[in-house]
N, C-alpha and C. Protein backbone atom coordinates (compact mmCIF):
# COMPACT_ATOMS: atom_id res chain seq x y z
N UNK A 1 -35.67 -5.61 -77.54
CA UNK A 1 -35.39 -4.89 -76.38
C UNK A 1 -34.62 -5.68 -75.32
N UNK A 2 -33.50 -5.20 -75.00
CA UNK A 2 -32.68 -5.90 -74.06
C UNK A 2 -33.07 -5.49 -72.66
N UNK A 3 -33.27 -6.49 -71.81
CA UNK A 3 -33.66 -6.16 -70.51
C UNK A 3 -32.42 -6.04 -69.60
N UNK A 4 -32.34 -5.01 -68.86
CA UNK A 4 -31.18 -4.81 -67.93
C UNK A 4 -31.60 -5.04 -66.58
N UNK A 5 -30.65 -5.60 -65.88
CA UNK A 5 -30.97 -5.81 -64.51
C UNK A 5 -30.73 -4.57 -63.73
N UNK A 6 -31.73 -4.10 -63.00
CA UNK A 6 -31.60 -2.87 -62.28
C UNK A 6 -30.93 -2.99 -60.87
N UNK A 7 -30.67 -4.23 -60.45
CA UNK A 7 -30.03 -4.46 -59.19
C UNK A 7 -28.51 -4.30 -59.33
N UNK A 8 -27.92 -3.52 -58.54
CA UNK A 8 -26.42 -3.35 -58.65
C UNK A 8 -25.74 -4.60 -58.25
N UNK A 9 -24.57 -4.74 -58.93
CA UNK A 9 -23.76 -5.98 -58.69
C UNK A 9 -23.06 -5.84 -57.34
N UNK A 10 -23.20 -6.89 -56.45
CA UNK A 10 -22.56 -6.80 -55.17
C UNK A 10 -21.54 -7.98 -55.16
N UNK A 11 -20.33 -7.66 -54.67
CA UNK A 11 -19.32 -8.70 -54.68
C UNK A 11 -19.70 -9.76 -53.64
N UNK A 12 -19.53 -10.96 -53.93
CA UNK A 12 -19.82 -12.01 -53.02
C UNK A 12 -18.77 -12.04 -51.92
N UNK A 13 -19.29 -12.04 -50.68
CA UNK A 13 -18.45 -12.11 -49.47
C UNK A 13 -18.27 -13.60 -49.10
N UNK A 14 -17.03 -13.97 -48.67
CA UNK A 14 -16.94 -15.37 -48.26
C UNK A 14 -17.59 -15.52 -46.95
N UNK A 15 -18.23 -16.61 -46.85
CA UNK A 15 -18.96 -16.95 -45.60
C UNK A 15 -18.00 -17.26 -44.43
N UNK A 16 -18.19 -16.44 -43.32
CA UNK A 16 -17.29 -16.57 -42.17
C UNK A 16 -18.00 -17.57 -41.25
N UNK A 17 -17.26 -18.63 -40.92
CA UNK A 17 -17.98 -19.61 -40.10
C UNK A 17 -17.79 -19.24 -38.64
N UNK A 18 -18.63 -19.78 -37.85
CA UNK A 18 -18.64 -19.46 -36.38
C UNK A 18 -17.37 -20.09 -35.80
N UNK A 19 -16.94 -21.10 -36.35
CA UNK A 19 -15.60 -21.64 -35.71
C UNK A 19 -14.45 -20.79 -36.08
N UNK A 20 -14.40 -20.17 -37.17
CA UNK A 20 -13.24 -19.34 -37.46
C UNK A 20 -13.33 -18.05 -36.69
N UNK A 21 -14.51 -17.56 -36.35
CA UNK A 21 -14.68 -16.39 -35.48
C UNK A 21 -14.12 -16.74 -34.02
N UNK A 22 -14.46 -17.90 -33.52
CA UNK A 22 -14.14 -18.29 -32.22
C UNK A 22 -12.48 -18.46 -32.21
N UNK A 23 -12.02 -18.95 -33.19
CA UNK A 23 -10.61 -19.16 -33.26
C UNK A 23 -9.86 -17.79 -33.22
N UNK A 24 -10.33 -16.94 -34.09
CA UNK A 24 -9.69 -15.51 -34.14
C UNK A 24 -9.86 -14.84 -32.71
N UNK A 25 -10.99 -15.01 -32.03
CA UNK A 25 -11.09 -14.36 -30.68
C UNK A 25 -10.21 -15.05 -29.77
N UNK A 26 -10.02 -16.42 -29.83
CA UNK A 26 -9.15 -17.12 -28.95
C UNK A 26 -7.70 -16.66 -29.13
N UNK A 27 -7.25 -16.48 -30.38
CA UNK A 27 -5.95 -15.99 -30.69
C UNK A 27 -5.68 -14.61 -30.17
N UNK A 28 -6.69 -13.74 -30.24
CA UNK A 28 -6.58 -12.38 -29.71
C UNK A 28 -6.50 -12.32 -28.26
N UNK A 29 -7.28 -13.28 -27.61
CA UNK A 29 -7.22 -13.34 -26.08
C UNK A 29 -5.86 -13.94 -25.71
N UNK A 30 -5.31 -14.82 -26.45
CA UNK A 30 -3.95 -15.37 -26.09
C UNK A 30 -2.91 -14.22 -26.28
N UNK A 31 -3.05 -13.36 -27.24
CA UNK A 31 -2.09 -12.31 -27.48
C UNK A 31 -2.13 -11.32 -26.32
N UNK A 32 -3.41 -10.94 -25.93
CA UNK A 32 -3.51 -10.04 -24.73
C UNK A 32 -2.97 -10.62 -23.47
N UNK A 33 -3.26 -11.91 -23.27
CA UNK A 33 -2.67 -12.57 -22.10
C UNK A 33 -1.24 -12.58 -22.14
N UNK A 34 -0.62 -12.79 -23.23
CA UNK A 34 0.84 -12.84 -23.35
C UNK A 34 1.42 -11.47 -23.09
N UNK A 35 0.78 -10.46 -23.59
CA UNK A 35 1.28 -9.12 -23.32
C UNK A 35 1.17 -8.73 -21.83
N UNK A 36 0.09 -9.11 -21.16
CA UNK A 36 -0.14 -8.86 -19.83
C UNK A 36 0.89 -9.57 -18.93
N UNK A 37 1.14 -10.83 -19.32
CA UNK A 37 2.20 -11.57 -18.50
C UNK A 37 3.56 -10.98 -18.69
N UNK A 38 3.91 -10.51 -19.83
CA UNK A 38 5.19 -9.95 -20.06
C UNK A 38 5.30 -8.58 -19.24
N UNK A 39 4.26 -7.75 -19.22
CA UNK A 39 4.30 -6.52 -18.47
C UNK A 39 4.35 -6.78 -16.98
N UNK A 40 3.57 -7.82 -16.49
CA UNK A 40 3.62 -8.16 -15.06
C UNK A 40 5.04 -8.59 -14.69
N UNK A 41 5.68 -9.43 -15.57
CA UNK A 41 7.06 -9.91 -15.24
C UNK A 41 8.08 -8.76 -15.26
N UNK A 42 7.91 -7.84 -16.14
CA UNK A 42 8.84 -6.67 -16.06
C UNK A 42 8.65 -5.81 -14.82
N UNK A 43 7.37 -5.60 -14.39
CA UNK A 43 7.06 -4.91 -13.27
C UNK A 43 7.62 -5.56 -11.98
N UNK A 44 7.45 -6.88 -11.93
CA UNK A 44 7.95 -7.60 -10.82
C UNK A 44 9.50 -7.53 -10.70
N UNK A 45 10.18 -7.63 -11.82
CA UNK A 45 11.65 -7.52 -11.76
C UNK A 45 12.03 -6.16 -11.38
N UNK A 46 11.38 -5.13 -11.84
CA UNK A 46 11.72 -3.75 -11.38
C UNK A 46 11.57 -3.52 -9.96
N UNK A 47 10.39 -4.08 -9.43
CA UNK A 47 10.15 -3.98 -7.99
C UNK A 47 11.14 -4.79 -7.16
N UNK A 48 11.50 -5.87 -7.57
CA UNK A 48 12.44 -6.69 -6.77
C UNK A 48 13.80 -5.97 -6.82
N UNK A 49 14.18 -5.30 -7.86
CA UNK A 49 15.43 -4.56 -7.92
C UNK A 49 15.45 -3.40 -7.00
N UNK A 50 14.38 -2.82 -6.74
CA UNK A 50 14.22 -1.55 -5.98
C UNK A 50 13.85 -1.92 -4.49
N UNK A 51 13.51 -3.12 -4.20
CA UNK A 51 13.11 -3.43 -2.86
C UNK A 51 14.19 -3.30 -1.80
N UNK A 52 15.34 -3.65 -2.00
CA UNK A 52 16.50 -3.40 -0.95
C UNK A 52 16.65 -1.92 -0.63
N UNK A 53 16.55 -1.05 -1.62
CA UNK A 53 16.68 0.36 -1.34
C UNK A 53 15.49 0.92 -0.55
N UNK A 54 14.31 0.38 -0.88
CA UNK A 54 13.09 0.88 -0.19
C UNK A 54 13.08 0.35 1.22
N UNK A 55 13.58 -0.84 1.41
CA UNK A 55 13.62 -1.41 2.78
C UNK A 55 14.66 -0.65 3.63
N UNK A 56 15.77 -0.29 3.08
CA UNK A 56 16.77 0.50 3.80
C UNK A 56 16.29 1.88 4.13
N UNK A 57 15.63 2.52 3.20
CA UNK A 57 15.01 3.86 3.44
C UNK A 57 13.93 3.82 4.56
N UNK A 58 13.13 2.82 4.49
CA UNK A 58 12.06 2.68 5.45
C UNK A 58 12.73 2.41 6.82
N UNK A 59 13.70 1.58 6.94
CA UNK A 59 14.33 1.28 8.21
C UNK A 59 14.97 2.51 8.74
N UNK A 60 15.63 3.32 7.94
CA UNK A 60 16.20 4.56 8.45
C UNK A 60 15.18 5.58 8.91
N UNK A 61 14.07 5.62 8.21
CA UNK A 61 12.96 6.52 8.68
C UNK A 61 12.35 6.10 10.02
N UNK A 62 12.20 4.73 10.12
CA UNK A 62 11.61 4.14 11.32
C UNK A 62 12.57 4.43 12.53
N UNK A 63 13.86 4.20 12.23
CA UNK A 63 14.80 4.40 13.37
C UNK A 63 14.86 5.89 13.83
N UNK A 64 14.84 6.76 12.83
CA UNK A 64 14.75 8.22 13.12
C UNK A 64 13.52 8.52 13.98
N UNK A 65 12.35 8.04 13.53
CA UNK A 65 11.11 8.39 14.24
C UNK A 65 11.19 7.79 15.65
N UNK A 66 11.70 6.56 15.76
CA UNK A 66 11.82 5.98 17.12
C UNK A 66 12.75 6.75 17.96
N UNK A 67 13.88 7.35 17.45
CA UNK A 67 14.86 8.10 18.26
C UNK A 67 14.15 9.37 18.64
N UNK A 68 13.40 10.03 17.87
CA UNK A 68 12.67 11.24 18.26
C UNK A 68 11.63 11.06 19.24
N UNK A 69 10.90 9.89 19.12
CA UNK A 69 9.94 9.49 20.19
C UNK A 69 10.54 9.37 21.49
N UNK A 70 11.59 8.62 21.45
CA UNK A 70 12.22 8.21 22.74
C UNK A 70 12.90 9.45 23.49
N UNK A 71 13.18 10.46 22.70
CA UNK A 71 13.81 11.64 23.32
C UNK A 71 12.83 12.86 23.58
N UNK A 72 11.62 12.59 23.23
CA UNK A 72 10.58 13.58 23.39
C UNK A 72 10.05 13.66 24.87
N UNK A 73 9.36 14.77 25.19
CA UNK A 73 8.93 14.82 26.59
C UNK A 73 7.60 14.03 26.79
N UNK A 74 7.30 13.80 28.14
CA UNK A 74 6.08 13.07 28.38
C UNK A 74 4.88 13.65 27.84
N UNK A 75 4.76 15.00 27.96
CA UNK A 75 3.62 15.77 27.35
C UNK A 75 3.49 15.55 25.96
N UNK A 76 4.51 15.59 25.23
CA UNK A 76 4.50 15.35 23.72
C UNK A 76 3.98 13.99 23.43
N UNK A 77 4.53 12.95 24.21
CA UNK A 77 4.11 11.63 23.98
C UNK A 77 2.61 11.42 24.23
N UNK A 78 2.11 12.01 25.28
CA UNK A 78 0.64 11.90 25.52
C UNK A 78 -0.18 12.61 24.51
N UNK A 79 0.24 13.78 24.11
CA UNK A 79 -0.40 14.56 22.96
C UNK A 79 -0.39 13.74 21.67
N UNK A 80 0.87 13.36 21.26
CA UNK A 80 0.92 12.58 20.10
C UNK A 80 0.20 11.27 20.01
N UNK A 81 0.11 10.57 21.15
CA UNK A 81 -0.59 9.34 21.20
C UNK A 81 -2.07 9.63 21.07
N UNK A 82 -2.61 10.65 21.70
CA UNK A 82 -3.97 10.93 21.59
C UNK A 82 -4.42 11.43 20.22
N UNK A 83 -3.54 12.32 19.52
CA UNK A 83 -3.91 12.76 18.19
C UNK A 83 -3.83 11.54 17.26
N UNK A 84 -2.84 10.70 17.40
CA UNK A 84 -2.75 9.55 16.42
C UNK A 84 -3.90 8.58 16.66
N UNK A 85 -4.29 8.33 17.84
CA UNK A 85 -5.38 7.48 18.20
C UNK A 85 -6.66 8.09 17.64
N UNK A 86 -6.86 9.32 17.76
CA UNK A 86 -8.00 10.09 17.27
C UNK A 86 -8.06 9.96 15.75
N UNK A 87 -6.98 10.12 15.04
CA UNK A 87 -6.88 10.05 13.69
C UNK A 87 -7.32 8.52 13.22
N UNK A 88 -6.84 7.56 13.88
CA UNK A 88 -7.08 6.14 13.50
C UNK A 88 -8.56 5.86 13.82
N UNK A 89 -9.22 6.40 14.91
CA UNK A 89 -10.57 6.15 15.11
C UNK A 89 -11.46 6.89 14.05
N UNK A 90 -11.02 8.12 13.79
CA UNK A 90 -11.80 8.84 12.70
C UNK A 90 -11.71 8.14 11.37
N UNK A 91 -10.60 7.57 11.07
CA UNK A 91 -10.54 6.84 9.82
C UNK A 91 -11.38 5.57 9.79
N UNK A 92 -11.49 4.91 10.98
CA UNK A 92 -12.30 3.73 11.11
C UNK A 92 -13.76 4.14 11.06
N UNK A 93 -14.19 5.25 11.61
CA UNK A 93 -15.57 5.67 11.63
C UNK A 93 -15.97 6.11 10.12
N UNK A 94 -15.01 6.70 9.48
CA UNK A 94 -15.25 7.17 8.14
C UNK A 94 -15.31 6.05 7.14
N UNK A 95 -14.99 4.87 7.54
CA UNK A 95 -15.05 3.76 6.60
C UNK A 95 -13.81 3.44 5.79
N UNK A 96 -12.69 3.90 6.34
CA UNK A 96 -11.36 3.67 5.59
C UNK A 96 -11.02 2.12 5.62
N UNK A 97 -10.22 1.87 4.70
CA UNK A 97 -9.69 0.47 4.57
C UNK A 97 -9.00 0.01 5.92
N UNK A 98 -9.14 -1.26 6.26
CA UNK A 98 -8.45 -1.64 7.48
C UNK A 98 -7.00 -1.50 7.53
N UNK A 99 -6.42 -1.60 6.33
CA UNK A 99 -4.91 -1.47 6.30
C UNK A 99 -4.56 -0.07 6.64
N UNK A 100 -5.34 0.88 6.13
CA UNK A 100 -4.94 2.28 6.32
C UNK A 100 -5.20 2.57 7.90
N UNK A 101 -6.25 2.02 8.48
CA UNK A 101 -6.46 2.20 9.92
C UNK A 101 -5.29 1.58 10.72
N UNK A 102 -4.88 0.40 10.34
CA UNK A 102 -3.73 -0.28 11.03
C UNK A 102 -2.43 0.66 10.86
N UNK A 103 -2.28 1.18 9.70
CA UNK A 103 -1.01 2.00 9.52
C UNK A 103 -1.09 3.31 10.34
N UNK A 104 -2.35 3.80 10.58
CA UNK A 104 -2.44 4.91 11.40
C UNK A 104 -2.21 4.59 12.91
N UNK A 105 -2.38 3.32 13.28
CA UNK A 105 -2.16 2.94 14.65
C UNK A 105 -0.73 2.66 14.94
N UNK A 106 0.16 2.57 13.93
CA UNK A 106 1.59 2.36 14.19
C UNK A 106 2.21 3.43 15.09
N UNK A 107 1.97 4.81 14.92
CA UNK A 107 2.49 5.67 15.78
C UNK A 107 1.98 5.65 17.23
N UNK A 108 0.70 5.23 17.33
CA UNK A 108 0.11 5.03 18.69
C UNK A 108 0.86 3.97 19.39
N UNK A 109 1.11 2.83 18.79
CA UNK A 109 1.88 1.86 19.34
C UNK A 109 3.27 2.27 19.80
N UNK A 110 4.02 2.95 18.81
CA UNK A 110 5.31 3.37 19.19
C UNK A 110 5.42 4.28 20.42
N UNK A 111 4.51 5.27 20.35
CA UNK A 111 4.45 6.21 21.47
C UNK A 111 4.05 5.65 22.78
N UNK A 112 3.00 4.74 22.60
CA UNK A 112 2.50 4.03 23.79
C UNK A 112 3.56 3.17 24.49
N UNK A 113 4.40 2.48 23.66
CA UNK A 113 5.45 1.70 24.22
C UNK A 113 6.53 2.57 24.82
N UNK A 114 6.79 3.65 24.20
CA UNK A 114 7.75 4.64 24.89
C UNK A 114 7.32 5.08 26.18
N UNK A 115 5.96 5.37 26.32
CA UNK A 115 5.50 5.81 27.68
C UNK A 115 5.54 4.70 28.63
N UNK A 116 5.20 3.52 28.14
CA UNK A 116 5.29 2.42 29.14
C UNK A 116 6.75 2.13 29.60
N UNK A 117 7.71 2.28 28.74
CA UNK A 117 9.10 2.10 29.03
C UNK A 117 9.48 3.08 30.10
N UNK A 118 8.96 4.32 29.92
CA UNK A 118 9.42 5.39 30.86
C UNK A 118 8.71 5.14 32.22
N UNK A 119 7.49 4.73 32.24
CA UNK A 119 6.76 4.52 33.54
C UNK A 119 7.21 3.24 34.25
N UNK A 120 7.76 2.22 33.44
CA UNK A 120 8.24 1.12 34.21
C UNK A 120 9.74 1.19 34.61
N UNK A 121 10.35 2.31 34.09
CA UNK A 121 11.72 2.60 34.45
C UNK A 121 12.76 1.72 33.72
N UNK A 122 12.36 0.96 32.67
CA UNK A 122 13.30 0.25 31.90
C UNK A 122 14.01 0.93 30.77
N UNK A 123 13.71 2.19 30.60
CA UNK A 123 14.36 2.98 29.57
C UNK A 123 15.74 3.49 30.00
N UNK A 124 16.86 3.26 29.24
CA UNK A 124 18.14 3.72 29.60
C UNK A 124 18.29 5.24 29.46
N UNK A 125 17.38 5.80 28.64
CA UNK A 125 17.60 7.35 28.40
C UNK A 125 17.03 8.12 29.56
N UNK A 126 16.16 7.54 30.42
CA UNK A 126 15.70 8.30 31.52
C UNK A 126 16.13 7.67 32.74
N UNK A 127 16.74 8.35 33.59
CA UNK A 127 17.28 7.72 34.77
C UNK A 127 16.26 7.83 35.95
N UNK A 128 16.68 8.04 37.17
CA UNK A 128 15.79 8.27 38.23
C UNK A 128 15.83 9.62 38.64
N UNK A 129 14.65 10.09 39.19
CA UNK A 129 14.68 11.54 39.71
C UNK A 129 15.36 11.58 41.12
N UNK A 130 15.24 12.62 41.80
CA UNK A 130 15.89 12.90 43.04
C UNK A 130 15.27 12.02 44.16
N UNK A 131 14.00 11.65 43.94
CA UNK A 131 13.30 10.76 45.01
C UNK A 131 13.75 9.28 44.83
N UNK A 132 14.40 8.90 43.75
CA UNK A 132 14.80 7.57 43.48
C UNK A 132 13.76 6.78 42.85
N UNK A 133 12.61 7.34 42.46
CA UNK A 133 11.56 6.62 41.78
C UNK A 133 11.97 6.67 40.25
N UNK A 134 11.79 5.41 39.66
CA UNK A 134 12.12 5.36 38.18
C UNK A 134 11.09 6.10 37.35
N UNK A 135 11.58 6.74 36.31
CA UNK A 135 10.65 7.37 35.41
C UNK A 135 10.35 8.77 35.75
N UNK A 136 10.65 9.26 37.02
CA UNK A 136 10.45 10.69 37.30
C UNK A 136 9.03 11.03 37.44
N UNK A 137 8.05 10.23 37.73
CA UNK A 137 6.72 10.56 37.93
C UNK A 137 6.40 10.80 39.27
């Protein structure tokens, strides 16, 4: 009577050493890092190519806003300054990022400076009123 082995035959797996696993992980990490570096480089080159256009557009928008502020009435300047300041304080109280709060204060500064120019009489767009007082207040 022949005895048969009841255990199924399993193919022998080669032993993977810990060092070879570390090497393969290191190679994978290097590949990911190289891909990330290439992507960052392409994004930086795209951004630098578009920067002059973005700067020109921003400058034109800033000049247009400044022109509108300088030609607006005193009441509109007061109202705009109060609303912009209220928005900035609300953002600060709500816990917004400091950069966002600072950006919300830009119109406050622009309108505040326009009001100061008018009150000091140094603005060429506003002359003197009939009484000779600068700023017409």
